[in-house]
Amino acid sequence: MFRLLAKQIDSANAQELDRQLLAVSNEMSKLNPDRNAVAAAASAAAPLAQRIAARLAAMQYDQAVTLRMLQRIPDDAENIALADERAAEQAVMAMDSLYIAYSKDAKPANAAEVRAAINALFQQLENPSSYNADQFASALRRIRTLLQ
């Protein structure tokens, strides 16, 4: 979720962070990763991630920004759903928090329907052994249509 939100506020640095994290991932996917290479790649990514996190923390979240972030999460439904249940859980928690903040002031006409759709996502995650990535992605995309 961090990387997804980072793209909303600083696309160039988010792309650089993705590149640096890919270097960590590539090294870690080797049969015998080089500890020094992993540490160097992670150390290179850390300051950039900290700068982006500081910007996210200091940012003013008005309705327009919050709605864009809410819409951006379902736009990446397949990647989130296929990553694993924990990534899906992070997405739902982010959607929930953002929607609570958004709906306080915006008062959308379909608020009950959106809330029910978010709650349905939480229900899909109650039993990790029955998690279905396709169903989760479909339900997440449905929320995107509700937010238009």
N, C-alpha and C. Protein backbone atom coordinates (compact mmCIF):
# COMPACT_ATOMS: atom_id res chain seq x y z
N MET A 1 0.82 -1.19 0.00
CA MET A 1 0.00 0.00 0.00
C MET A 1 0.86 1.25 0.00
N PHE A 2 1.96 1.20 0.70
CA PHE A 2 2.85 2.36 0.76
C PHE A 2 3.29 2.76 -0.65
N ARG A 3 3.72 1.79 -1.42
CA ARG A 3 4.21 2.08 -2.77
C ARG A 3 3.09 2.62 -3.65
N LEU A 4 1.90 2.11 -3.47
CA LEU A 4 0.75 2.57 -4.25
C LEU A 4 0.42 4.02 -3.92
N LEU A 5 0.41 4.35 -2.63
CA LEU A 5 0.13 5.72 -2.22
C LEU A 5 1.27 6.66 -2.60
N ALA A 6 2.49 6.15 -2.56
CA ALA A 6 3.64 6.97 -2.95
C ALA A 6 3.52 7.44 -4.39
N LYS A 7 2.99 6.57 -5.25
CA LYS A 7 2.81 6.94 -6.66
C LYS A 7 1.84 8.10 -6.82
N GLN A 8 0.92 8.25 -5.88
CA GLN A 8 -0.04 9.34 -5.93
C GLN A 8 0.59 10.69 -5.63
N ILE A 9 1.60 10.69 -4.77
CA ILE A 9 2.15 11.98 -4.36
C ILE A 9 3.48 12.32 -5.01
N ASP A 10 4.21 11.32 -5.47
CA ASP A 10 5.54 11.58 -6.02
C ASP A 10 5.92 10.45 -6.98
N SER A 11 5.40 10.52 -8.18
CA SER A 11 5.56 9.45 -9.15
C SER A 11 7.03 9.13 -9.45
N ALA A 12 7.84 10.15 -9.62
CA ALA A 12 9.24 9.92 -9.97
C ALA A 12 9.99 9.18 -8.87
N ASN A 13 9.85 9.66 -7.63
CA ASN A 13 10.53 8.99 -6.52
C ASN A 13 9.93 7.62 -6.24
N ALA A 14 8.63 7.46 -6.47
CA ALA A 14 8.00 6.15 -6.30
C ALA A 14 8.56 5.14 -7.30
N GLN A 15 8.80 5.60 -8.53
CA GLN A 15 9.39 4.71 -9.54
C GLN A 15 10.82 4.34 -9.15
N GLU A 16 11.56 5.30 -8.63
CA GLU A 16 12.93 5.01 -8.18
C GLU A 16 12.90 4.03 -7.02
N LEU A 17 11.97 4.20 -6.10
CA LEU A 17 11.84 3.27 -4.98
C LEU A 17 11.51 1.88 -5.49
N ASP A 18 10.60 1.78 -6.44
CA ASP A 18 10.26 0.48 -7.03
C ASP A 18 11.51 -0.17 -7.64
N ARG A 19 12.31 0.63 -8.33
CA ARG A 19 13.54 0.10 -8.93
C ARG A 19 14.49 -0.43 -7.86
N GLN A 20 14.65 0.33 -6.79
CA GLN A 20 15.55 -0.09 -5.72
C GLN A 20 15.03 -1.33 -4.99
N LEU A 21 13.71 -1.39 -4.78
CA LEU A 21 13.14 -2.57 -4.11
C LEU A 21 13.20 -3.79 -5.01
N LEU A 22 13.15 -3.58 -6.31
CA LEU A 22 13.30 -4.70 -7.24
C LEU A 22 14.70 -5.29 -7.12
N ALA A 23 15.69 -4.43 -6.91
CA ALA A 23 17.06 -4.92 -6.73
C ALA A 23 17.15 -5.80 -5.48
N VAL A 24 16.47 -5.39 -4.41
CA VAL A 24 16.44 -6.21 -3.19
C VAL A 24 15.76 -7.54 -3.49
N SER A 25 14.61 -7.47 -4.14
CA SER A 25 13.84 -8.67 -4.46
C SER A 25 14.61 -9.62 -5.37
N ASN A 26 15.27 -9.07 -6.38
CA ASN A 26 16.04 -9.91 -7.30
C ASN A 26 17.16 -10.64 -6.57
N GLU A 27 17.83 -9.95 -5.70
CA GLU A 27 18.92 -10.59 -4.95
C GLU A 27 18.37 -11.64 -4.00
N MET A 28 17.26 -11.33 -3.34
CA MET A 28 16.67 -12.27 -2.38
C MET A 28 16.08 -13.51 -3.06
N SER A 29 15.76 -13.41 -4.34
CA SER A 29 15.17 -14.55 -5.03
C SER A 29 16.23 -15.56 -5.50
N LYS A 30 17.49 -15.21 -5.35
CA LYS A 30 18.56 -16.13 -5.71
C LYS A 30 18.65 -17.26 -4.69
N LEU A 31 19.16 -18.40 -5.14
CA LEU A 31 19.30 -19.55 -4.26
C LEU A 31 20.17 -19.21 -3.04
N ASN A 32 21.26 -18.52 -3.28
CA ASN A 32 22.16 -18.10 -2.20
C ASN A 32 22.39 -16.60 -2.33
N PRO A 33 21.47 -15.80 -1.79
CA PRO A 33 21.62 -14.35 -1.93
C PRO A 33 22.88 -13.84 -1.23
N ASP A 34 23.47 -12.84 -1.82
CA ASP A 34 24.64 -12.18 -1.25
C ASP A 34 24.15 -11.20 -0.19
N ARG A 35 24.48 -11.45 1.05
CA ARG A 35 24.01 -10.60 2.16
C ARG A 35 24.44 -9.15 1.99
N ASN A 36 25.64 -8.96 1.54
CA ASN A 36 26.14 -7.60 1.35
C ASN A 36 25.37 -6.87 0.26
N ALA A 37 25.04 -7.58 -0.82
CA ALA A 37 24.28 -6.97 -1.91
C ALA A 37 22.86 -6.63 -1.45
N VAL A 38 22.26 -7.52 -0.67
CA VAL A 38 20.92 -7.26 -0.13
C VAL A 38 20.95 -6.05 0.79
N ALA A 39 21.93 -6.02 1.69
CA ALA A 39 22.04 -4.91 2.63
C ALA A 39 22.29 -3.59 1.90
N ALA A 40 23.11 -3.61 0.88
CA ALA A 40 23.40 -2.39 0.13
C ALA A 40 22.16 -1.91 -0.61
N ALA A 41 21.44 -2.83 -1.23
CA ALA A 41 20.23 -2.44 -1.97
C ALA A 41 19.16 -1.91 -1.01
N ALA A 42 18.99 -2.57 0.11
CA ALA A 42 18.01 -2.12 1.10
C ALA A 42 18.42 -0.77 1.70
N SER A 43 19.70 -0.60 1.95
CA SER A 43 20.18 0.68 2.49
C SER A 43 19.98 1.81 1.51
N ALA A 44 20.08 1.51 0.23
CA ALA A 44 19.86 2.55 -0.79
C ALA A 44 18.39 2.94 -0.85
N ALA A 45 17.50 1.98 -0.63
CA ALA A 45 16.06 2.24 -0.72
C ALA A 45 15.52 2.94 0.53
N ALA A 46 16.10 2.69 1.67
CA ALA A 46 15.56 3.19 2.94
C ALA A 46 15.40 4.71 3.00
N PRO A 47 16.41 5.51 2.65
CA PRO A 47 16.24 6.97 2.75
C PRO A 47 15.12 7.50 1.84
N LEU A 48 15.01 6.92 0.67
CA LEU A 48 13.96 7.34 -0.25
C LEU A 48 12.58 7.00 0.32
N ALA A 49 12.44 5.81 0.86
CA ALA A 49 11.18 5.42 1.49
C ALA A 49 10.86 6.33 2.68
N GLN A 50 11.86 6.71 3.43
CA GLN A 50 11.64 7.61 4.56
C GLN A 50 11.19 8.99 4.10
N ARG A 51 11.77 9.50 3.03
CA ARG A 51 11.35 10.80 2.50
C ARG A 51 9.90 10.76 2.02
N ILE A 52 9.54 9.69 1.33
CA ILE A 52 8.17 9.56 0.85
C ILE A 52 7.21 9.43 2.04
N ALA A 53 7.59 8.65 3.04
CA ALA A 53 6.75 8.49 4.23
C ALA A 53 6.55 9.82 4.94
N ALA A 54 7.59 10.62 5.01
CA ALA A 54 7.47 11.93 5.66
C ALA A 54 6.51 12.82 4.87
N ARG A 55 6.57 12.77 3.55
CA ARG A 55 5.63 13.55 2.74
C ARG A 55 4.20 13.08 2.94
N LEU A 56 4.01 11.76 3.00
CA LEU A 56 2.66 11.23 3.22
C LEU A 56 2.13 11.68 4.59
N ALA A 57 2.99 11.66 5.58
CA ALA A 57 2.57 12.04 6.93
C ALA A 57 2.24 13.53 7.04
N ALA A 58 2.95 14.36 6.29
CA ALA A 58 2.76 15.81 6.38
C ALA A 58 1.68 16.33 5.43
N MET A 59 1.24 15.48 4.54
CA MET A 59 0.32 15.90 3.49
C MET A 59 -1.07 16.24 4.02
N GLN A 60 -1.70 17.21 3.39
CA GLN A 60 -3.10 17.53 3.68
C GLN A 60 -3.97 16.62 2.82
N TYR A 61 -4.88 15.93 3.45
CA TYR A 61 -5.75 14.99 2.74
C TYR A 61 -7.14 15.59 2.60
N ASP A 62 -7.37 16.29 1.49
CA ASP A 62 -8.71 16.82 1.23
C ASP A 62 -9.53 15.73 0.53
N GLN A 63 -10.78 16.05 0.24
CA GLN A 63 -11.66 15.06 -0.36
C GLN A 63 -11.13 14.54 -1.70
N ALA A 64 -10.61 15.42 -2.52
CA ALA A 64 -10.14 15.02 -3.84
C ALA A 64 -8.96 14.06 -3.74
N VAL A 65 -8.01 14.35 -2.88
CA VAL A 65 -6.84 13.49 -2.69
C VAL A 65 -7.28 12.14 -2.13
N THR A 66 -8.15 12.18 -1.15
CA THR A 66 -8.62 10.94 -0.53
C THR A 66 -9.37 10.07 -1.54
N LEU A 67 -10.22 10.68 -2.34
CA LEU A 67 -10.95 9.92 -3.36
C LEU A 67 -10.00 9.32 -4.38
N ARG A 68 -9.00 10.08 -4.82
CA ARG A 68 -8.02 9.53 -5.78
C ARG A 68 -7.30 8.32 -5.19
N MET A 69 -6.93 8.40 -3.92
CA MET A 69 -6.27 7.27 -3.28
C MET A 69 -7.21 6.08 -3.16
N LEU A 70 -8.46 6.35 -2.82
CA LEU A 70 -9.46 5.28 -2.75
C LEU A 70 -9.62 4.59 -4.11
N GLN A 71 -9.61 5.35 -5.16
CA GLN A 71 -9.78 4.80 -6.50
C GLN A 71 -8.52 4.08 -6.99
N ARG A 72 -7.39 4.52 -6.55
CA ARG A 72 -6.11 3.95 -7.00
C ARG A 72 -5.93 2.52 -6.48
N ILE A 73 -6.37 2.24 -5.28
CA ILE A 73 -6.18 0.90 -4.70
C ILE A 73 -6.88 -0.15 -5.56
N PRO A 74 -8.18 0.00 -5.88
CA PRO A 74 -8.82 -1.02 -6.73
C PRO A 74 -8.26 -1.08 -8.15
N ASP A 75 -7.64 -0.01 -8.60
CA ASP A 75 -7.02 -0.04 -9.93
C ASP A 75 -5.91 -1.08 -10.00
N ASP A 76 -5.36 -1.46 -8.85
CA ASP A 76 -4.28 -2.45 -8.78
C ASP A 76 -4.80 -3.77 -8.18
N ALA A 77 -6.08 -4.05 -8.37
CA ALA A 77 -6.75 -5.18 -7.72
C ALA A 77 -6.05 -6.52 -7.97
N GLU A 78 -5.65 -6.79 -9.20
CA GLU A 78 -5.06 -8.09 -9.50
C GLU A 78 -3.73 -8.29 -8.78
N ASN A 79 -2.88 -7.27 -8.83
CA ASN A 79 -1.58 -7.40 -8.17
C ASN A 79 -1.73 -7.55 -6.66
N ILE A 80 -2.64 -6.80 -6.08
CA ILE A 80 -2.88 -6.90 -4.64
C ILE A 80 -3.41 -8.28 -4.29
N ALA A 81 -4.41 -8.73 -5.02
CA ALA A 81 -5.05 -10.01 -4.72
C ALA A 81 -4.09 -11.18 -4.88
N LEU A 82 -3.24 -11.12 -5.90
CA LEU A 82 -2.32 -12.23 -6.15
C LEU A 82 -1.10 -12.23 -5.23
N ALA A 83 -0.79 -11.09 -4.63
CA ALA A 83 0.39 -11.02 -3.76
C ALA A 83 0.25 -12.02 -2.61
N ASP A 84 -0.78 -11.89 -1.82
CA ASP A 84 -1.13 -12.82 -0.75
C ASP A 84 -2.23 -12.21 0.12
N GLU A 85 -2.68 -12.97 1.11
CA GLU A 85 -3.76 -12.49 1.97
C GLU A 85 -3.36 -11.25 2.76
N ARG A 86 -2.10 -11.16 3.14
CA ARG A 86 -1.65 -10.00 3.93
C ARG A 86 -1.69 -8.73 3.09
N ALA A 87 -1.31 -8.81 1.84
CA ALA A 87 -1.41 -7.64 0.96
C ALA A 87 -2.87 -7.24 0.78
N ALA A 88 -3.73 -8.23 0.63
CA ALA A 88 -5.17 -7.97 0.50
C ALA A 88 -5.70 -7.32 1.78
N GLU A 89 -5.26 -7.82 2.90
CA GLU A 89 -5.69 -7.26 4.19
C GLU A 89 -5.24 -5.80 4.32
N GLN A 90 -4.01 -5.51 3.93
CA GLN A 90 -3.50 -4.14 3.98
C GLN A 90 -4.34 -3.23 3.08
N ALA A 91 -4.71 -3.73 1.91
CA ALA A 91 -5.52 -2.94 0.99
C ALA A 91 -6.89 -2.63 1.59
N VAL A 92 -7.50 -3.62 2.20
CA VAL A 92 -8.84 -3.41 2.79
C VAL A 92 -8.76 -2.43 3.96
N MET A 93 -7.74 -2.57 4.79
CA MET A 93 -7.61 -1.64 5.91
C MET A 93 -7.38 -0.22 5.42
N ALA A 94 -6.57 -0.07 4.37
CA ALA A 94 -6.35 1.26 3.79
C ALA A 94 -7.64 1.81 3.21
N MET A 95 -8.37 0.98 2.46
CA MET A 95 -9.66 1.41 1.89
C MET A 95 -10.62 1.84 2.99
N ASP A 96 -10.67 1.05 4.04
CA ASP A 96 -11.58 1.34 5.15
C ASP A 96 -11.24 2.69 5.79
N SER A 97 -9.99 2.89 6.11
CA SER A 97 -9.57 4.15 6.75
C SER A 97 -9.81 5.35 5.84
N LEU A 98 -9.43 5.21 4.59
CA LEU A 98 -9.62 6.31 3.64
C LEU A 98 -11.11 6.60 3.43
N TYR A 99 -11.93 5.54 3.36
CA TYR A 99 -13.35 5.77 3.12
C TYR A 99 -14.03 6.42 4.33
N ILE A 100 -13.62 6.05 5.51
CA ILE A 100 -14.16 6.70 6.72
C ILE A 100 -13.86 8.19 6.66
N ALA A 101 -12.61 8.54 6.35
CA ALA A 101 -12.23 9.95 6.26
C ALA A 101 -12.98 10.66 5.13
N TYR A 102 -13.08 10.01 3.99
CA TYR A 102 -13.74 10.61 2.83
C TYR A 102 -15.23 10.83 3.07
N SER A 103 -15.90 9.84 3.59
CA SER A 103 -17.36 9.90 3.71
C SER A 103 -17.84 10.82 4.83
N LYS A 104 -16.97 11.19 5.75
CA LYS A 104 -17.37 12.12 6.81
C LYS A 104 -17.86 13.44 6.23
N ASP A 105 -17.11 13.96 5.27
CA ASP A 105 -17.45 15.25 4.69
C ASP A 105 -18.21 15.14 3.37
N ALA A 106 -17.87 14.13 2.58
CA ALA A 106 -18.45 14.03 1.24
C ALA A 106 -19.91 13.57 1.28
N LYS A 107 -20.27 12.75 2.24
CA LYS A 107 -21.64 12.22 2.36
C LYS A 107 -22.14 11.64 1.04
N PRO A 108 -21.44 10.63 0.47
CA PRO A 108 -21.88 10.07 -0.80
C PRO A 108 -23.27 9.42 -0.68
N ALA A 109 -24.03 9.50 -1.75
CA ALA A 109 -25.39 8.95 -1.75
C ALA A 109 -25.38 7.43 -1.58
N ASN A 110 -24.33 6.77 -2.06
CA ASN A 110 -24.25 5.32 -1.97
C ASN A 110 -23.33 4.85 -0.84
N ALA A 111 -23.21 5.64 0.20
CA ALA A 111 -22.30 5.33 1.30
C ALA A 111 -22.57 3.96 1.91
N ALA A 112 -23.84 3.61 2.09
CA ALA A 112 -24.17 2.31 2.68
C ALA A 112 -23.71 1.17 1.78
N GLU A 113 -23.84 1.34 0.48
CA GLU A 113 -23.43 0.31 -0.47
C GLU A 113 -21.90 0.15 -0.48
N VAL A 114 -21.19 1.27 -0.45
CA VAL A 114 -19.73 1.21 -0.41
C VAL A 114 -19.27 0.57 0.90
N ARG A 115 -19.87 0.98 2.01
CA ARG A 115 -19.50 0.41 3.31
C ARG A 115 -19.73 -1.10 3.32
N ALA A 116 -20.86 -1.55 2.75
CA ALA A 116 -21.16 -2.98 2.70
C ALA A 116 -20.13 -3.72 1.84
N ALA A 117 -19.69 -3.09 0.75
CA ALA A 117 -18.70 -3.72 -0.12
C ALA A 117 -17.35 -3.84 0.58
N ILE A 118 -16.97 -2.83 1.33
CA ILE A 118 -15.71 -2.89 2.10
C ILE A 118 -15.81 -3.96 3.18
N ASN A 119 -16.94 -4.01 3.87
CA ASN A 119 -17.14 -5.03 4.90
C ASN A 119 -17.09 -6.44 4.30
N ALA A 120 -17.61 -6.59 3.08
CA ALA A 120 -17.57 -7.89 2.41
C ALA A 120 -16.12 -8.30 2.13
N LEU A 121 -15.26 -7.33 1.83
CA LEU A 121 -13.84 -7.64 1.64
C LEU A 121 -13.22 -8.15 2.94
N PHE A 122 -13.56 -7.50 4.04
CA PHE A 122 -13.05 -7.97 5.35
C PHE A 122 -13.51 -9.41 5.60
N GLN A 123 -14.75 -9.72 5.25
CA GLN A 123 -15.28 -11.08 5.46
C GLN A 123 -14.51 -12.10 4.64
N GLN A 124 -14.09 -11.72 3.44
CA GLN A 124 -13.31 -12.66 2.62
C GLN A 124 -11.97 -13.00 3.26
N LEU A 125 -11.51 -12.15 4.15
CA LEU A 125 -10.19 -12.35 4.77
C LEU A 125 -10.26 -13.02 6.13
N GLU A 126 -11.47 -13.30 6.61
CA GLU A 126 -11.62 -13.89 7.94
C GLU A 126 -10.98 -15.27 8.05
N ASN A 127 -11.00 -16.04 6.98
CA ASN A 127 -10.43 -17.38 7.00
C ASN A 127 -9.36 -17.46 5.90
N PRO A 128 -8.09 -17.29 6.28
CA PRO A 128 -7.02 -17.26 5.27
C PRO A 128 -6.97 -18.50 4.38
N SER A 129 -7.36 -19.65 4.90
CA SER A 129 -7.28 -20.86 4.08
C SER A 129 -8.33 -20.88 2.97
N SER A 130 -9.36 -20.05 3.08
CA SER A 130 -10.37 -20.02 2.03
C SER A 130 -10.25 -18.78 1.14
N TYR A 131 -9.15 -18.06 1.29
CA TYR A 131 -8.93 -16.84 0.49
C TYR A 131 -8.90 -17.19 -0.99
N ASN A 132 -9.63 -16.43 -1.80
CA ASN A 132 -9.68 -16.63 -3.23
C ASN A 132 -9.30 -15.31 -3.91
N ALA A 133 -8.14 -15.28 -4.54
CA ALA A 133 -7.62 -14.05 -5.13
C ALA A 133 -8.54 -13.48 -6.21
N ASP A 134 -9.12 -14.34 -7.03
CA ASP A 134 -10.01 -13.87 -8.09
C ASP A 134 -11.25 -13.20 -7.52
N GLN A 135 -11.84 -13.81 -6.51
CA GLN A 135 -13.03 -13.23 -5.88
C GLN A 135 -12.69 -11.91 -5.20
N PHE A 136 -11.53 -11.87 -4.55
CA PHE A 136 -11.12 -10.65 -3.87
C PHE A 136 -10.92 -9.53 -4.89
N ALA A 137 -10.20 -9.81 -5.97
CA ALA A 137 -9.95 -8.79 -7.00
C ALA A 137 -11.26 -8.28 -7.59
N SER A 138 -12.17 -9.18 -7.85
CA SER A 138 -13.47 -8.80 -8.42
C SER A 138 -14.24 -7.88 -7.45
N ALA A 139 -14.24 -8.24 -6.19
CA ALA A 139 -14.94 -7.41 -5.19
C ALA A 139 -14.26 -6.05 -5.03
N LEU A 140 -12.95 -6.02 -5.12
CA LEU A 140 -12.22 -4.76 -5.02
C LEU A 140 -12.51 -3.87 -6.22
N ARG A 141 -12.56 -4.47 -7.41
CA ARG A 141 -12.91 -3.69 -8.61
C ARG A 141 -14.33 -3.16 -8.53
N ARG A 142 -15.22 -3.90 -7.90
CA ARG A 142 -16.61 -3.44 -7.73
C ARG A 142 -16.65 -2.15 -6.92
N ILE A 143 -15.81 -2.06 -5.92
CA ILE A 143 -15.76 -0.85 -5.11
C ILE A 143 -15.32 0.33 -5.97
N ARG A 144 -14.41 0.08 -6.89
CA ARG A 144 -13.95 1.16 -7.78
C ARG A 144 -15.12 1.74 -8.56
N THR A 145 -16.01 0.89 -9.04
CA THR A 145 -17.18 1.39 -9.79
C THR A 145 -18.12 2.16 -8.87
N LEU A 146 -18.20 1.75 -7.62
CA LEU A 146 -19.07 2.45 -6.66
C LEU A 146 -18.54 3.84 -6.31
N LEU A 147 -17.23 4.01 -6.45
CA LEU A 147 -16.60 5.29 -6.09
C LEU A 147 -16.63 6.32 -7.21
N GLN A 148 -17.18 5.99 -8.35
CA GLN A 148 -17.21 6.94 -9.48
C GLN A 148 -18.34 7.93 -9.34
